[in-house]
Amino acid sequence: MLDADRVVTRLRSAFNHAVPRQEMLTLAAELIQGAGAPYTSVYLYMLHGNELVLEAYSGRDTEHDRIPVGKGVCGTAVATGQDQNVGDVQGRENYIACNLFKIGRASCRERVFSSV
C-alpha cells in the first residue's frame, strides 16, 4: 500500500539536501512504484507546450517519451482538465499502451501548478 506521508517526507528531505530536480522526480517514481501493486510502473510526464514529456519513470521501459495533449489517457486528462481513471483500456479508442505488458487499466492525474 502506498504510504503518501512516507513519500512526501522522503521528497522533502531530498529537497532540503538540494537534490537536483531530475533526481527528485526519479525518487518520486521509485517510491511510488516501490509500494507494489497496483503500481507496477510509474511514469512522470510534464507538460511542455502541447505535449507531455516523460521526465522520470520507475518500472518497465516505455517507447512513449512524448504524448500529444488530447491523445491517450494522460493527454486526455490534460486536454479536459479532469483526472482519468479507466477500468478497461481495451475499450478506449485513443489509448496508448505504456508498455507491451499493459493491457488492463490506466489512471492519469491532471495537475497543473503555477509554480513549483
PDB file of N, CA and C in Angstrom:
ATOM      1  N   MET A   1       0.837  -1.180   0.000  1.00  0.00           N
ATOM      2  CA  MET A   1       0.000   0.000   0.000  1.00  0.00           C
ATOM      3  C   MET A   1       0.886   1.249   0.000  1.00  0.00           C
ATOM      4  N   LEU A   2       0.464   2.232  -0.763  1.00  0.00           N
ATOM      5  CA  LEU A   2       1.223   3.476  -0.860  1.00  0.00           C
ATOM      6  C   LEU A   2       1.083   4.294   0.428  1.00  0.00           C
ATOM      7  N   ASP A   3       2.208   4.631   1.011  1.00  0.00           N
ATOM      8  CA  ASP A   3       2.247   5.482   2.201  1.00  0.00           C
ATOM      9  C   ASP A   3       2.639   6.887   1.744  1.00  0.00           C
ATOM     10  N   ALA A   4       1.638   7.705   1.455  1.00  0.00           N
ATOM     11  CA  ALA A   4       1.878   9.046   0.910  1.00  0.00           C
ATOM     12  C   ALA A   4       2.722   9.895   1.846  1.00  0.00           C
ATOM     13  N   ASP A   5       2.524   9.768   3.148  1.00  0.00           N
ATOM     14  CA  ASP A   5       3.310  10.544   4.104  1.00  0.00           C
ATOM     15  C   ASP A   5       4.801  10.201   3.988  1.00  0.00           C
ATOM     16  N   ARG A   6       5.101   8.928   3.807  1.00  0.00           N
ATOM     17  CA  ARG A   6       6.491   8.498   3.651  1.00  0.00           C
ATOM     18  C   ARG A   6       7.093   9.081   2.376  1.00  0.00           C
ATOM     19  N   VAL A   7       6.335   9.061   1.297  1.00  0.00           N
ATOM     20  CA  VAL A   7       6.822   9.610   0.027  1.00  0.00           C
ATOM     21  C   VAL A   7       7.108  11.098   0.184  1.00  0.00           C
ATOM     22  N   VAL A   8       6.175  11.833   0.774  1.00  0.00           N
ATOM     23  CA  VAL A   8       6.357  13.280   0.954  1.00  0.00           C
ATOM     24  C   VAL A   8       7.547  13.568   1.867  1.00  0.00           C
ATOM     25  N   THR A   9       7.687  12.813   2.930  1.00  0.00           N
ATOM     26  CA  THR A   9       8.813  13.004   3.853  1.00  0.00           C
ATOM     27  C   THR A   9      10.140  12.792   3.140  1.00  0.00           C
ATOM     28  N   ARG A  10      10.238  11.731   2.342  1.00  0.00           N
ATOM     29  CA  ARG A  10      11.483  11.457   1.607  1.00  0.00           C
ATOM     30  C   ARG A  10      11.776  12.549   0.584  1.00  0.00           C
ATOM     31  N   LEU A  11      10.733  13.034  -0.101  1.00  0.00           N
ATOM     32  CA  LEU A  11      10.936  14.087  -1.098  1.00  0.00           C
ATOM     33  C   LEU A  11      11.327  15.406  -0.434  1.00  0.00           C
ATOM     34  N   ARG A  12      10.728  15.719   0.703  1.00  0.00           N
ATOM     35  CA  ARG A  12      11.107  16.942   1.430  1.00  0.00           C
ATOM     36  C   ARG A  12      12.563  16.866   1.883  1.00  0.00           C
ATOM     37  N   SER A  13      12.952  15.701   2.359  1.00  0.00           N
ATOM     38  CA  SER A  13      14.336  15.526   2.786  1.00  0.00           C
ATOM     39  C   SER A  13      15.286  15.716   1.606  1.00  0.00           C
ATOM     40  N   ALA A  14      14.946  15.145   0.467  1.00  0.00           N
ATOM     41  CA  ALA A  14      15.775  15.302  -0.731  1.00  0.00           C
ATOM     42  C   ALA A  14      15.856  16.773  -1.127  1.00  0.00           C
ATOM     43  N   PHE A  15      14.728  17.464  -1.089  1.00  0.00           N
ATOM     44  CA  PHE A  15      14.690  18.884  -1.428  1.00  0.00           C
ATOM     45  C   PHE A  15      15.573  19.684  -0.477  1.00  0.00           C
ATOM     46  N   ASN A  16      15.476  19.389   0.813  1.00  0.00           N
ATOM     47  CA  ASN A  16      16.277  20.099   1.819  1.00  0.00           C
ATOM     48  C   ASN A  16      17.770  19.852   1.667  1.00  0.00           C
ATOM     49  N   HIS A  17      18.123  18.760   0.994  1.00  0.00           N
ATOM     50  CA  HIS A  17      19.533  18.445   0.740  1.00  0.00           C
ATOM     51  C   HIS A  17      19.941  18.828  -0.681  1.00  0.00           C
ATOM     52  N   ALA A  18      19.160  19.702  -1.300  1.00  0.00           N
ATOM     53  CA  ALA A  18      19.460  20.255  -2.622  1.00  0.00           C
ATOM     54  C   ALA A  18      19.641  19.184  -3.710  1.00  0.00           C
ATOM     55  N   VAL A  19      18.864  18.111  -3.604  1.00  0.00           N
ATOM     56  CA  VAL A  19      18.899  17.082  -4.649  1.00  0.00           C
ATOM     57  C   VAL A  19      18.343  17.707  -5.927  1.00  0.00           C
ATOM     58  N   PRO A  20      19.012  17.518  -7.059  1.00  0.00           N
ATOM     59  CA  PRO A  20      18.542  18.100  -8.317  1.00  0.00           C
ATOM     60  C   PRO A  20      17.148  17.603  -8.706  1.00  0.00           C
ATOM     61  N   ARG A  21      16.435  18.442  -9.445  1.00  0.00           N
ATOM     62  CA  ARG A  21      15.051  18.166  -9.857  1.00  0.00           C
ATOM     63  C   ARG A  21      14.891  16.791 -10.492  1.00  0.00           C
ATOM     64  N   GLN A  22      15.757  16.442 -11.434  1.00  0.00           N
ATOM     65  CA  GLN A  22      15.640  15.148 -12.128  1.00  0.00           C
ATOM     66  C   GLN A  22      15.740  13.982 -11.147  1.00  0.00           C
ATOM     67  N   GLU A  23      16.651  14.083 -10.202  1.00  0.00           N
ATOM     68  CA  GLU A  23      16.796  13.024  -9.199  1.00  0.00           C
ATOM     69  C   GLU A  23      15.565  12.950  -8.298  1.00  0.00           C
ATOM     70  N   MET A  24      14.978  14.099  -7.987  1.00  0.00           N
ATOM     71  CA  MET A  24      13.758  14.090  -7.162  1.00  0.00           C
ATOM     72  C   MET A  24      12.593  13.438  -7.903  1.00  0.00           C
ATOM     73  N   LEU A  25      12.471  13.716  -9.194  1.00  0.00           N
ATOM     74  CA  LEU A  25      11.413  13.078  -9.978  1.00  0.00           C
ATOM     75  C   LEU A  25      11.605  11.564 -10.029  1.00  0.00           C
ATOM     76  N   THR A  26      12.842  11.147 -10.232  1.00  0.00           N
ATOM     77  CA  THR A  26      13.134   9.709 -10.259  1.00  0.00           C
ATOM     78  C   THR A  26      12.854   9.084  -8.905  1.00  0.00           C
ATOM     79  N   LEU A  27      13.242   9.756  -7.838  1.00  0.00           N
ATOM     80  CA  LEU A  27      12.962   9.268  -6.485  1.00  0.00           C
ATOM     81  C   LEU A  27      11.461   9.118  -6.271  1.00  0.00           C
ATOM     82  N   ALA A  28      10.691  10.101  -6.688  1.00  0.00           N
ATOM     83  CA  ALA A  28       9.228  10.029  -6.536  1.00  0.00           C
ATOM     84  C   ALA A  28       8.672   8.810  -7.261  1.00  0.00           C
ATOM     85  N   ALA A  29       9.097   8.603  -8.498  1.00  0.00           N
ATOM     86  CA  ALA A  29       8.620   7.452  -9.266  1.00  0.00           C
ATOM     87  C   ALA A  29       9.014   6.143  -8.580  1.00  0.00           C
ATOM     88  N   GLU A  30      10.238   6.073  -8.095  1.00  0.00           N
ATOM     89  CA  GLU A  30      10.714   4.855  -7.435  1.00  0.00           C
ATOM     90  C   GLU A  30       9.949   4.570  -6.143  1.00  0.00           C
ATOM     91  N   LEU A  31       9.687   5.615  -5.359  1.00  0.00           N
ATOM     92  CA  LEU A  31       8.961   5.425  -4.103  1.00  0.00           C
ATOM     93  C   LEU A  31       7.531   4.950  -4.349  1.00  0.00           C
ATOM     94  N   ILE A  32       6.883   5.520  -5.340  1.00  0.00           N
ATOM     95  CA  ILE A  32       5.513   5.105  -5.657  1.00  0.00           C
ATOM     96  C   ILE A  32       5.508   3.678  -6.187  1.00  0.00           C
ATOM     97  N   GLN A  33       6.379   3.382  -7.131  1.00  0.00           N
ATOM     98  CA  GLN A  33       6.434   2.039  -7.703  1.00  0.00           C
ATOM     99  C   GLN A  33       6.827   1.011  -6.640  1.00  0.00           C
ATOM    100  N   GLY A  34       7.665   1.420  -5.716  1.00  0.00           N
ATOM    101  CA  GLY A  34       8.108   0.538  -4.640  1.00  0.00           C
ATOM    102  C   GLY A  34       7.000   0.130  -3.682  1.00  0.00           C
ATOM    103  N   ALA A  35       5.869   0.824  -3.732  1.00  0.00           N
ATOM    104  CA  ALA A  35       4.728   0.471  -2.882  1.00  0.00           C
ATOM    105  C   ALA A  35       4.073  -0.823  -3.341  1.00  0.00           C
ATOM    106  N   GLY A  36       4.420  -1.276  -4.542  1.00  0.00           N
ATOM    107  CA  GLY A  36       3.853  -2.529  -5.038  1.00  0.00           C
ATOM    108  C   GLY A  36       2.549  -2.316  -5.781  1.00  0.00           C
ATOM    109  N   ALA A  37       1.854  -3.413  -6.015  1.00  0.00           N
ATOM    110  CA  ALA A  37       0.599  -3.379  -6.789  1.00  0.00           C
ATOM    111  C   ALA A  37      -0.355  -2.357  -6.188  1.00  0.00           C
ATOM    112  N   PRO A  38      -1.004  -1.600  -7.040  1.00  0.00           N
ATOM    113  CA  PRO A  38      -1.089  -1.693  -8.492  1.00  0.00           C
ATOM    114  C   PRO A  38      -0.035  -0.877  -9.231  1.00  0.00           C
ATOM    115  N   TYR A  39       0.998  -0.403  -8.545  1.00  0.00           N
ATOM    116  CA  TYR A  39       1.992   0.478  -9.160  1.00  0.00           C
ATOM    117  C   TYR A  39       3.139  -0.324  -9.765  1.00  0.00           C
ATOM    118  N   THR A  40       2.860  -1.099 -10.816  1.00  0.00           N
ATOM    119  CA  THR A  40       3.895  -1.906 -11.443  1.00  0.00           C
ATOM    120  C   THR A  40       4.885  -1.040 -12.203  1.00  0.00           C
ATOM    121  N   SER A  41       4.419   0.074 -12.733  1.00  0.00           N
ATOM    122  CA  SER A  41       5.268   1.049 -13.409  1.00  0.00           C
ATOM    123  C   SER A  41       4.687   2.428 -13.165  1.00  0.00           C
ATOM    124  N   VAL A  42       5.571   3.402 -12.970  1.00  0.00           N
ATOM    125  CA  VAL A  42       5.147   4.781 -12.723  1.00  0.00           C
ATOM    126  C   VAL A  42       5.871   5.673 -13.716  1.00  0.00           C
ATOM    127  N   TYR A  43       5.108   6.475 -14.460  1.00  0.00           N
ATOM    128  CA  TYR A  43       5.664   7.367 -15.475  1.00  0.00           C
ATOM    129  C   TYR A  43       5.287   8.795 -15.107  1.00  0.00           C
ATOM    130  N   LEU A  44       6.265   9.689 -15.038  1.00  0.00           N
ATOM    131  CA  LEU A  44       6.013  11.078 -14.689  1.00  0.00           C
ATOM    132  C   LEU A  44       6.245  11.952 -15.923  1.00  0.00           C
ATOM    133  N   TYR A  45       5.156  12.460 -16.459  1.00  0.00           N
ATOM    134  CA  TYR A  45       5.194  13.323 -17.637  1.00  0.00           C
ATOM    135  C   TYR A  45       4.969  14.760 -17.207  1.00  0.00           C
ATOM    136  N   MET A  46       5.669  15.689 -17.842  1.00  0.00           N
ATOM    137  CA  MET A  46       5.492  17.114 -17.592  1.00  0.00           C
ATOM    138  C   MET A  46       5.052  17.780 -18.894  1.00  0.00           C
ATOM    139  N   LEU A  47       4.207  18.788 -18.748  1.00  0.00           N
ATOM    140  CA  LEU A  47       3.678  19.496 -19.906  1.00  0.00           C
ATOM    141  C   LEU A  47       4.715  20.473 -20.448  1.00  0.00           C
ATOM    142  N   HIS A  48       5.038  20.305 -21.722  1.00  0.00           N
ATOM    143  CA  HIS A  48       5.947  21.192 -22.453  1.00  0.00           C
ATOM    144  C   HIS A  48       5.207  21.617 -23.712  1.00  0.00           C
ATOM    145  N   GLY A  49       4.662  22.820 -23.703  1.00  0.00           N
ATOM    146  CA  GLY A  49       3.896  23.268 -24.861  1.00  0.00           C
ATOM    147  C   GLY A  49       2.635  22.447 -25.015  1.00  0.00           C
ATOM    148  N   ASN A  50       2.500  21.781 -26.161  1.00  0.00           N
ATOM    149  CA  ASN A  50       1.311  20.977 -26.443  1.00  0.00           C
ATOM    150  C   ASN A  50       1.573  19.489 -26.353  1.00  0.00           C
ATOM    151  N   GLU A  51       2.572  19.111 -25.572  1.00  0.00           N
ATOM    152  CA  GLU A  51       2.813  17.683 -25.398  1.00  0.00           C
ATOM    153  C   GLU A  51       3.331  17.389 -23.996  1.00  0.00           C
ATOM    154  N   LEU A  52       3.080  16.170 -23.573  1.00  0.00           N
ATOM    155  CA  LEU A  52       3.599  15.678 -22.304  1.00  0.00           C
ATOM    156  C   LEU A  52       4.928  14.992 -22.586  1.00  0.00           C
ATOM    157  N   VAL A  53       5.936  15.326 -21.798  1.00  0.00           N
ATOM    158  CA  VAL A  53       7.273  14.775 -21.996  1.00  0.00           C
ATOM    159  C   VAL A  53       7.631  13.927 -20.776  1.00  0.00           C
ATOM    160  N   LEU A  54       8.026  12.688 -21.034  1.00  0.00           N
ATOM    161  CA  LEU A  54       8.433  11.791 -19.957  1.00  0.00           C
ATOM    162  C   LEU A  54       9.726  12.299 -19.348  1.00  0.00           C
ATOM    163  N   GLU A  55       9.679  12.611 -18.050  1.00  0.00           N
ATOM    164  CA  GLU A  55      10.875  13.127 -17.381  1.00  0.00           C
ATOM    165  C   GLU A  55      11.468  12.148 -16.386  1.00  0.00           C
ATOM    166  N   ALA A  56      10.671  11.193 -15.918  1.00  0.00           N
ATOM    167  CA  ALA A  56      11.196  10.178 -15.000  1.00  0.00           C
ATOM    168  C   ALA A  56      10.225   9.010 -14.970  1.00  0.00           C
ATOM    169  N   TYR A  57      10.757   7.842 -14.661  1.00  0.00           N
ATOM    170  CA  TYR A  57       9.887   6.677 -14.501  1.00  0.00           C
ATOM    171  C   TYR A  57      10.585   5.628 -13.662  1.00  0.00           C
ATOM    172  N   SER A  58       9.787   4.683 -13.188  1.00  0.00           N
ATOM    173  CA  SER A  58      10.310   3.522 -12.489  1.00  0.00           C
ATOM    174  C   SER A  58       9.456   2.339 -12.902  1.00  0.00           C
ATOM    175  N   GLY A  59      10.111   1.254 -13.266  1.00  0.00           N
ATOM    176  CA  GLY A  59       9.381   0.073 -13.732  1.00  0.00           C
ATOM    177  C   GLY A  59       9.759  -0.241 -15.164  1.00  0.00           C
ATOM    178  N   ARG A  60       8.786  -0.705 -15.910  1.00  0.00           N
ATOM    179  CA  ARG A  60       9.031  -1.124 -17.293  1.00  0.00           C
ATOM    180  C   ARG A  60       9.321   0.063 -18.207  1.00  0.00           C
ATOM    181  N   ASP A  61      10.224  -0.166 -19.163  1.00  0.00           N
ATOM    182  CA  ASP A  61      10.519   0.855 -20.164  1.00  0.00           C
ATOM    183  C   ASP A  61       9.271   1.154 -20.988  1.00  0.00           C
ATOM    184  N   THR A  62       9.211   2.364 -21.539  1.00  0.00           N
ATOM    185  CA  THR A  62       8.131   2.743 -22.435  1.00  0.00           C
ATOM    186  C   THR A  62       8.729   3.397 -23.670  1.00  0.00           C
ATOM    187  N   GLU A  63       8.076   3.199 -24.787  1.00  0.00           N
ATOM    188  CA  GLU A  63       8.525   3.856 -26.017  1.00  0.00           C
ATOM    189  C   GLU A  63       7.898   5.242 -26.158  1.00  0.00           C
ATOM    190  N   HIS A  64       6.988   5.574 -25.264  1.00  0.00           N
ATOM    191  CA  HIS A  64       6.263   6.842 -25.353  1.00  0.00           C
ATOM    192  C   HIS A  64       6.915   7.897 -24.476  1.00  0.00           C
ATOM    193  N   ASP A  65       7.917   8.585 -25.029  1.00  0.00           N
ATOM    194  CA  ASP A  65       8.561   9.641 -24.257  1.00  0.00           C
ATOM    195  C   ASP A  65       7.887  10.988 -24.494  1.00  0.00           C
ATOM    196  N   ARG A  66       6.968  11.049 -25.471  1.00  0.00           N
ATOM    197  CA  ARG A  66       6.193  12.260 -25.733  1.00  0.00           C
ATOM    198  C   ARG A  66       4.763  11.861 -26.092  1.00  0.00           C
ATOM    199  N   ILE A  67       3.799  12.559 -25.487  1.00  0.00           N
ATOM    200  CA  ILE A  67       2.386  12.289 -25.752  1.00  0.00           C
ATOM    201  C   ILE A  67       1.707  13.614 -26.083  1.00  0.00           C
ATOM    202  N   PRO A  68       1.093  13.720 -27.250  1.00  0.00           N
ATOM    203  CA  PRO A  68       0.384  14.956 -27.592  1.00  0.00           C
ATOM    204  C   PRO A  68      -0.814  15.178 -26.653  1.00  0.00           C
ATOM    205  N   VAL A  69      -1.044  16.427 -26.280  1.00  0.00           N
ATOM    206  CA  VAL A  69      -2.224  16.757 -25.474  1.00  0.00           C
ATOM    207  C   VAL A  69      -3.462  16.305 -26.253  1.00  0.00           C
ATOM    208  N   GLY A  70      -4.362  15.607 -25.580  1.00  0.00           N
ATOM    209  CA  GLY A  70      -5.581  15.117 -26.203  1.00  0.00           C
ATOM    210  C   GLY A  70      -5.502  13.679 -26.658  1.00  0.00           C
ATOM    211  N   LYS A  71      -4.295  13.096 -26.677  1.00  0.00           N
ATOM    212  CA  LYS A  71      -4.140  11.714 -27.120  1.00  0.00           C
ATOM    213  C   LYS A  71      -3.866  10.817 -25.922  1.00  0.00           C
ATOM    214  N   GLY A  72      -4.494   9.666 -25.894  1.00  0.00           N
ATOM    215  CA  GLY A  72      -4.294   8.723 -24.803  1.00  0.00           C
ATOM    216  C   GLY A  72      -4.971   9.187 -23.523  1.00  0.00           C
ATOM    217  N   VAL A  73      -4.829   8.377 -22.495  1.00  0.00           N
ATOM    218  CA  VAL A  73      -5.466   8.683 -21.208  1.00  0.00           C
ATOM    219  C   VAL A  73      -4.863   9.943 -20.590  1.00  0.00           C
ATOM    220  N   CYS A  74      -3.538  10.042 -20.556  1.00  0.00           N
ATOM    221  CA  CYS A  74      -2.898  11.209 -19.927  1.00  0.00           C
ATOM    222  C   CYS A  74      -3.090  12.477 -20.750  1.00  0.00           C
ATOM    223  N   GLY A  75      -2.982  12.374 -22.065  1.00  0.00           N
ATOM    224  CA  GLY A  75      -3.212  13.537 -22.920  1.00  0.00           C
ATOM    225  C   GLY A  75      -4.639  14.044 -22.813  1.00  0.00           C
ATOM    226  N   THR A  76      -5.583  13.114 -22.626  1.00  0.00           N
ATOM    227  CA  THR A  76      -6.989  13.485 -22.432  1.00  0.00           C
ATOM    228  C   THR A  76      -7.175  14.192 -21.101  1.00  0.00           C
ATOM    229  N   ALA A  77      -6.477  13.730 -20.060  1.00  0.00           N
ATOM    230  CA  ALA A  77      -6.566  14.378 -18.745  1.00  0.00           C
ATOM    231  C   ALA A  77      -6.157  15.836 -18.839  1.00  0.00           C
ATOM    232  N   VAL A  78      -5.077  16.098 -19.558  1.00  0.00           N
ATOM    233  CA  VAL A  78      -4.602  17.479 -19.698  1.00  0.00           C
ATOM    234  C   VAL A  78      -5.580  18.292 -20.541  1.00  0.00           C
ATOM    235  N   ALA A  79      -6.051  17.716 -21.642  1.00  0.00           N
ATOM    236  CA  ALA A  79      -6.954  18.441 -22.544  1.00  0.00           C
ATOM    237  C   ALA A  79      -8.273  18.800 -21.875  1.00  0.00           C
ATOM    238  N   THR A  80      -8.783  17.913 -21.026  1.00  0.00           N
ATOM    239  CA  THR A  80     -10.084  18.145 -20.385  1.00  0.00           C
ATOM    240  C   THR A  80      -9.966  18.800 -19.019  1.00  0.00           C
ATOM    241  N   GLY A  81      -8.761  18.737 -18.414  1.00  0.00           N
ATOM    242  CA  GLY A  81      -8.592  19.269 -17.071  1.00  0.00           C
ATOM    243  C   GLY A  81      -9.202  18.374 -16.013  1.00  0.00           C
ATOM    244  N   GLN A  82      -9.446  17.102 -16.360  1.00  0.00           N
ATOM    245  CA  GLN A  82     -10.066  16.168 -15.423  1.00  0.00           C
ATOM    246  C   GLN A  82      -9.233  14.898 -15.313  1.00  0.00           C
ATOM    247  N   ASP A  83      -9.132  14.364 -14.081  1.00  0.00           N
ATOM    248  CA  ASP A  83      -8.458  13.091 -13.875  1.00  0.00           C
ATOM    249  C   ASP A  83      -9.133  12.026 -14.727  1.00  0.00           C
ATOM    250  N   GLN A  84      -8.351  11.060 -15.176  1.00  0.00           N
ATOM    251  CA  GLN A  84      -8.876   9.932 -15.941  1.00  0.00           C
ATOM    252  C   GLN A  84      -8.547   8.653 -15.189  1.00  0.00           C
ATOM    253  N   ASN A  85      -9.538   7.805 -14.966  1.00  0.00           N
ATOM    254  CA  ASN A  85      -9.344   6.504 -14.344  1.00  0.00           C
ATOM    255  C   ASN A  85     -10.131   5.513 -15.184  1.00  0.00           C
ATOM    256  N   VAL A  86      -9.435   4.771 -16.020  1.00  0.00           N
ATOM    257  CA  VAL A  86     -10.066   3.893 -16.994  1.00  0.00           C
ATOM    258  C   VAL A  86      -9.918   2.451 -16.539  1.00  0.00           C
ATOM    259  N   GLY A  87     -11.042   1.822 -16.226  1.00  0.00           N
ATOM    260  CA  GLY A  87     -11.027   0.446 -15.744  1.00  0.00           C
ATOM    261  C   GLY A  87     -10.656  -0.566 -16.802  1.00  0.00           C
ATOM    262  N   ASP A  88     -11.058  -0.349 -18.058  1.00  0.00           N
ATOM    263  CA  ASP A  88     -10.762  -1.270 -19.146  1.00  0.00           C
ATOM    264  C   ASP A  88     -10.265  -0.477 -20.346  1.00  0.00           C
ATOM    265  N   VAL A  89      -8.957  -0.440 -20.518  1.00  0.00           N
ATOM    266  CA  VAL A  89      -8.377   0.367 -21.593  1.00  0.00           C
ATOM    267  C   VAL A  89      -8.643  -0.215 -22.975  1.00  0.00           C
ATOM    268  N   GLN A  90      -8.999  -1.489 -23.049  1.00  0.00           N
ATOM    269  CA  GLN A  90      -9.265  -2.103 -24.346  1.00  0.00           C
ATOM    270  C   GLN A  90     -10.414  -1.408 -25.065  1.00  0.00           C
ATOM    271  N   GLY A  91     -11.348  -0.834 -24.317  1.00  0.00           N
ATOM    272  CA  GLY A  91     -12.485  -0.143 -24.911  1.00  0.00           C
ATOM    273  C   GLY A  91     -12.227   1.320 -25.216  1.00  0.00           C
ATOM    274  N   ARG A  92     -11.034   1.802 -24.928  1.00  0.00           N
ATOM    275  CA  ARG A  92     -10.702   3.211 -25.120  1.00  0.00           C
ATOM    276  C   ARG A  92     -10.077   3.406 -26.496  1.00  0.00           C
ATOM    277  N   GLU A  93     -10.747   4.143 -27.361  1.00  0.00           N
ATOM    278  CA  GLU A  93     -10.309   4.290 -28.743  1.00  0.00           C
ATOM    279  C   GLU A  93      -8.922   4.911 -28.877  1.00  0.00           C
ATOM    280  N   ASN A  94      -8.615   5.913 -28.076  1.00  0.00           N
ATOM    281  CA  ASN A  94      -7.333   6.608 -28.231  1.00  0.00           C
ATOM    282  C   ASN A  94      -6.298   6.182 -27.194  1.00  0.00           C
ATOM    283  N   TYR A  95      -6.419   4.983 -26.657  1.00  0.00           N
ATOM    284  CA  TYR A  95      -5.497   4.502 -25.629  1.00  0.00           C
ATOM    285  C   TYR A  95      -4.105   4.263 -26.197  1.00  0.00           C
ATOM    286  N   ILE A  96      -3.087   4.683 -25.452  1.00  0.00           N
ATOM    287  CA  ILE A  96      -1.690   4.427 -25.788  1.00  0.00           C
ATOM    288  C   ILE A  96      -1.138   3.505 -24.705  1.00  0.00           C
ATOM    289  N   ALA A  97      -0.683   2.328 -25.070  1.00  0.00           N
ATOM    290  CA  ALA A  97      -0.138   1.386 -24.088  1.00  0.00           C
ATOM    291  C   ALA A  97       1.181   1.922 -23.534  1.00  0.00           C
ATOM    292  N   CYS A  98       1.309   1.941 -22.217  1.00  0.00           N
ATOM    293  CA  CYS A  98       2.544   2.401 -21.576  1.00  0.00           C
ATOM    294  C   CYS A  98       3.708   1.491 -21.945  1.00  0.00           C
ATOM    295  N   ASN A  99       3.419   0.204 -22.000  1.00  0.00           N
ATOM    296  CA  ASN A  99       4.444  -0.780 -22.331  1.00  0.00           C
ATOM    297  C   ASN A  99       3.753  -2.011 -22.907  1.00  0.00           C
ATOM    298  N   LEU A 100       4.516  -2.979 -23.361  1.00  0.00           N
ATOM    299  CA  LEU A 100       3.943  -4.168 -24.001  1.00  0.00           C
ATOM    300  C   LEU A 100       3.118  -5.018 -23.054  1.00  0.00           C
ATOM    301  N   PHE A 101       3.294  -4.845 -21.745  1.00  0.00           N
ATOM    302  CA  PHE A 101       2.599  -5.660 -20.771  1.00  0.00           C
ATOM    303  C   PHE A 101       1.305  -5.023 -20.272  1.00  0.00           C
ATOM    304  N   LYS A 102       1.084  -3.766 -20.601  1.00  0.00           N
ATOM    305  CA  LYS A 102      -0.072  -3.028 -20.081  1.00  0.00           C
ATOM    306  C   LYS A 102      -1.288  -3.290 -20.948  1.00  0.00           C
ATOM    307  N   ILE A 103      -2.260  -4.028 -20.399  1.00  0.00           N
ATOM    308  CA  ILE A 103      -3.463  -4.325 -21.168  1.00  0.00           C
ATOM    309  C   ILE A 103      -4.747  -4.138 -20.363  1.00  0.00           C
ATOM    310  N   GLY A 104      -4.634  -3.808 -19.089  1.00  0.00           N
ATOM    311  CA  GLY A 104      -5.813  -3.786 -18.235  1.00  0.00           C
ATOM    312  C   GLY A 104      -6.431  -2.437 -17.964  1.00  0.00           C
ATOM    313  N   ARG A 105      -5.804  -1.654 -17.099  1.00  0.00           N
ATOM    314  CA  ARG A 105      -6.392  -0.395 -16.668  1.00  0.00           C
ATOM    315  C   ARG A 105      -5.332   0.696 -16.648  1.00  0.00           C
ATOM    316  N   ALA A 106      -5.810   1.932 -16.654  1.00  0.00           N
ATOM    317  CA  ALA A 106      -4.889   3.068 -16.625  1.00  0.00           C
ATOM    318  C   ALA A 106      -5.494   4.186 -15.801  1.00  0.00           C
ATOM    319  N   SER A 107      -4.628   4.953 -15.193  1.00  0.00           N
ATOM    320  CA  SER A 107      -5.063   6.102 -14.416  1.00  0.00           C
ATOM    321  C   SER A 107      -4.090   7.238 -14.669  1.00  0.00           C
ATOM    322  N   CYS A 108      -4.626   8.428 -14.837  1.00  0.00           N
ATOM    323  CA  CYS A 108      -3.775   9.582 -15.059  1.00  0.00           C
ATOM    324  C   CYS A 108      -4.358  10.759 -14.306  1.00  0.00           C
ATOM    325  N   ARG A 109      -3.550  11.383 -13.495  1.00  0.00           N
ATOM    326  CA  ARG A 109      -3.973  12.551 -12.741  1.00  0.00           C
ATOM    327  C   ARG A 109      -3.531  13.805 -13.470  1.00  0.00           C
ATOM    328  N   GLU A 110      -4.429  14.742 -13.594  1.00  0.00           N
ATOM    329  CA  GLU A 110      -4.135  16.017 -14.257  1.00  0.00           C
ATOM    330  C   GLU A 110      -3.864  17.022 -13.169  1.00  0.00           C
ATOM    331  N   ARG A 111      -2.651  17.525 -13.133  1.00  0.00           N
ATOM    332  CA  ARG A 111      -2.298  18.524 -12.134  1.00  0.00           C
ATOM    333  C   ARG A 111      -1.504  19.631 -12.814  1.00  0.00           C
ATOM    334  N   VAL A 112      -1.891  20.839 -12.561  1.00  0.00           N
ATOM    335  CA  VAL A 112      -1.181  21.988 -13.105  1.00  0.00           C
ATOM    336  C   VAL A 112      -0.792  22.880 -11.941  1.00  0.00           C
ATOM    337  N   PHE A 113       0.500  23.210 -11.859  1.00  0.00           N
ATOM    338  CA  PHE A 113       0.992  24.073 -10.808  1.00  0.00           C
ATOM    339  C   PHE A 113       1.531  25.338 -11.445  1.00  0.00           C
ATOM    340  N   SER A 114       1.150  26.473 -10.901  1.00  0.00           N
ATOM    341  CA  SER A 114       1.632  27.729 -11.466  1.00  0.00           C
ATOM    342  C   SER A 114       3.104  27.957 -11.143  1.00  0.00           C
ATOM    343  N   SER A 115       3.544  27.418 -10.009  1.00  0.00           N
ATOM    344  CA  SER A 115       4.955  27.493  -9.681  1.00  0.00           C
ATOM    345  C   SER A 115       5.304  26.271  -8.856  1.00  0.00           C
ATOM    346  N   VAL A 116       6.477  25.737  -9.104  1.00  0.00           N
ATOM    347  CA  VAL A 116       6.890  24.536  -8.397  1.00  0.00           C
ATOM    348  C   VAL A 116       8.138  24.820  -7.610  1.00  0.00           C
TER     349      VAL A 116
END
